[in-house]
């Protein structure tokens, strides 16, 4: 048996999978608000592990990330690696890495079309 799903995404060790389930269960139990916000926060949790926090800050604005972190009780920079195994598929991240100042792209000082698009390798 391989350690990778489709030879690109590392499988989650059982302890880490249990941690994700606990985060989701705790968020669901404590959440009050619009269901789609909880759903989106859980989606960010799953995407963050695969793409990394740098892709998340390209895709979402600071306010959205903060809201989802509060819902989940996490900090994305502590929870995820800067780049996950599929970070290279993010069009916005791929373009952002060509600039000398990544944070100018994140802040919107440097505009990138299709910054939220996931493409092929």
Protein backbone atom coordinates (compact mmCIF):
# COMPACT_ATOMS: atom_id res chain seq x y z
CA UNK A 1 0.00 0.00 0.00
CA UNK A 2 1.33 3.45 -0.90
CA UNK A 3 1.56 6.43 1.46
CA UNK A 4 0.06 8.65 -1.22
CA UNK A 5 -3.42 9.05 -2.61
CA UNK A 6 -3.05 8.93 -6.38
CA UNK A 7 0.71 9.33 -5.83
CA UNK A 8 0.44 13.04 -4.92
CA UNK A 9 -1.44 13.63 -1.66
CA UNK A 10 0.02 12.02 1.48
CA UNK A 11 -2.48 9.97 3.44
CA UNK A 12 -3.36 11.33 6.84
CA UNK A 13 -1.95 9.41 9.78
CA UNK A 14 -4.81 8.17 11.97
CA UNK A 15 -3.91 10.57 14.80
CA UNK A 16 -4.01 13.56 12.46
CA UNK A 17 -7.31 12.39 10.93
CA UNK A 18 -8.76 12.16 14.44
CA UNK A 19 -7.54 15.72 15.13
CA UNK A 20 -9.40 16.96 12.03
CA UNK A 21 -12.56 15.15 13.10
CA UNK A 22 -12.31 16.68 16.59
CA UNK A 23 -11.89 20.17 15.12
CA UNK A 24 -14.96 19.66 12.89
CA UNK A 25 -17.06 18.18 15.72
CA UNK A 26 -16.12 20.96 18.14
CA UNK A 27 -16.86 23.62 15.50
CA UNK A 28 -20.23 22.05 14.69
CA UNK A 29 -21.20 21.77 18.36
CA UNK A 30 -20.26 25.38 19.15
CA UNK A 31 -21.37 27.04 15.93
CA UNK A 32 -24.20 29.54 15.79
CA UNK A 33 -24.92 31.28 12.51
CA UNK A 34 -25.46 30.58 8.83
CA UNK A 35 -24.84 26.94 7.91
CA UNK A 36 -22.86 27.87 4.80
CA UNK A 37 -20.27 29.66 6.95
CA UNK A 38 -19.64 26.47 8.93
CA UNK A 39 -19.53 24.48 5.71
CA UNK A 40 -17.05 26.91 4.14
CA UNK A 41 -14.84 26.88 7.23
CA UNK A 42 -14.72 23.07 7.16
CA UNK A 43 -13.89 23.24 3.46
CA UNK A 44 -11.00 25.60 4.24
CA UNK A 45 -9.75 23.09 6.81
CA UNK A 46 -9.69 20.31 4.22
CA UNK A 47 -8.23 22.44 1.43
CA UNK A 48 -5.58 23.94 3.71
CA UNK A 49 -4.04 20.56 4.40
CA UNK A 50 -3.74 19.82 0.67
CA UNK A 51 -2.76 23.27 -0.64
CA UNK A 52 -1.14 24.97 2.39
CA UNK A 53 -1.77 28.26 4.14
CA UNK A 54 -0.09 30.39 1.47
CA UNK A 55 -2.72 29.31 -1.07
CA UNK A 56 -5.45 30.07 1.47
CA UNK A 57 -4.24 33.65 1.94
CA UNK A 58 -4.20 34.10 -1.85
CA UNK A 59 -7.75 32.74 -2.21
CA UNK A 60 -9.40 34.38 0.83
CA UNK A 61 -9.22 37.85 2.27
CA UNK A 62 -7.90 38.40 5.78
CA UNK A 63 -11.37 38.89 7.27
CA UNK A 64 -12.69 35.61 5.84
CA UNK A 65 -9.69 33.64 7.08
CA UNK A 66 -10.08 35.14 10.55
CA UNK A 67 -13.79 34.24 10.59
CA UNK A 68 -13.11 30.64 9.55
CA UNK A 69 -10.22 30.31 12.02
CA UNK A 70 -12.58 31.44 14.80
CA UNK A 71 -15.26 28.97 13.72
CA UNK A 72 -12.73 26.12 13.70
CA UNK A 73 -10.64 27.23 16.68
CA UNK A 74 -7.41 27.03 14.67
CA UNK A 75 -4.64 29.20 13.28
CA UNK A 76 -3.93 28.30 9.66
CA UNK A 77 -0.22 29.10 9.93
CA UNK A 78 0.11 26.67 12.81
CA UNK A 79 -2.23 24.05 11.37
CA UNK A 80 -0.94 23.83 7.79
CA UNK A 81 2.40 23.92 6.01
CA UNK A 82 3.13 27.02 3.90
CA UNK A 83 2.85 24.86 0.77
CA UNK A 84 0.89 21.65 0.58
CA UNK A 85 1.42 18.91 -1.99
CA UNK A 86 -0.98 20.54 -4.47
CA UNK A 87 0.04 24.20 -4.00
CA UNK A 88 1.45 24.14 -7.54
CA UNK A 89 -2.09 23.71 -8.93
CA UNK A 90 -3.21 27.10 -7.58
CA UNK A 91 -2.99 29.60 -10.43
CA UNK A 92 -2.95 32.56 -8.05
CA UNK A 93 -0.21 31.06 -5.90
CA UNK A 94 1.86 30.04 -8.91
CA UNK A 95 1.76 33.62 -10.21
CA UNK A 96 2.32 35.13 -6.74
CA UNK A 97 5.56 33.19 -6.35
CA UNK A 98 6.98 34.99 -9.39
CA UNK A 99 6.87 38.33 -7.53
CA UNK A 100 9.52 39.36 -5.03
CA UNK A 101 6.95 40.43 -2.45
CA UNK A 102 4.37 37.69 -1.84
CA UNK A 103 2.53 39.83 0.72
CA UNK A 104 1.82 42.59 -1.82
CA UNK A 105 -0.10 40.00 -3.81
CA UNK A 106 -1.94 38.84 -0.68
CA UNK A 107 -2.86 42.40 0.27
CA UNK A 108 -4.13 43.15 -3.23
CA UNK A 109 -1.46 45.75 -4.02
CA UNK A 110 -0.50 43.49 -6.91
CA UNK A 111 -3.58 42.27 -8.75
CA UNK A 112 -3.76 38.72 -10.11
CA UNK A 113 -6.62 37.61 -12.30
CA UNK A 114 -7.99 34.17 -11.53
CA UNK A 115 -6.21 34.12 -8.16
CA UNK A 116 -8.80 31.62 -6.89
CA UNK A 117 -8.54 29.22 -9.81
CA UNK A 118 -7.20 25.69 -9.43
CA UNK A 119 -5.68 24.45 -12.64
CA UNK A 120 -3.78 21.51 -13.94
CA UNK A 121 -0.15 20.94 -13.25
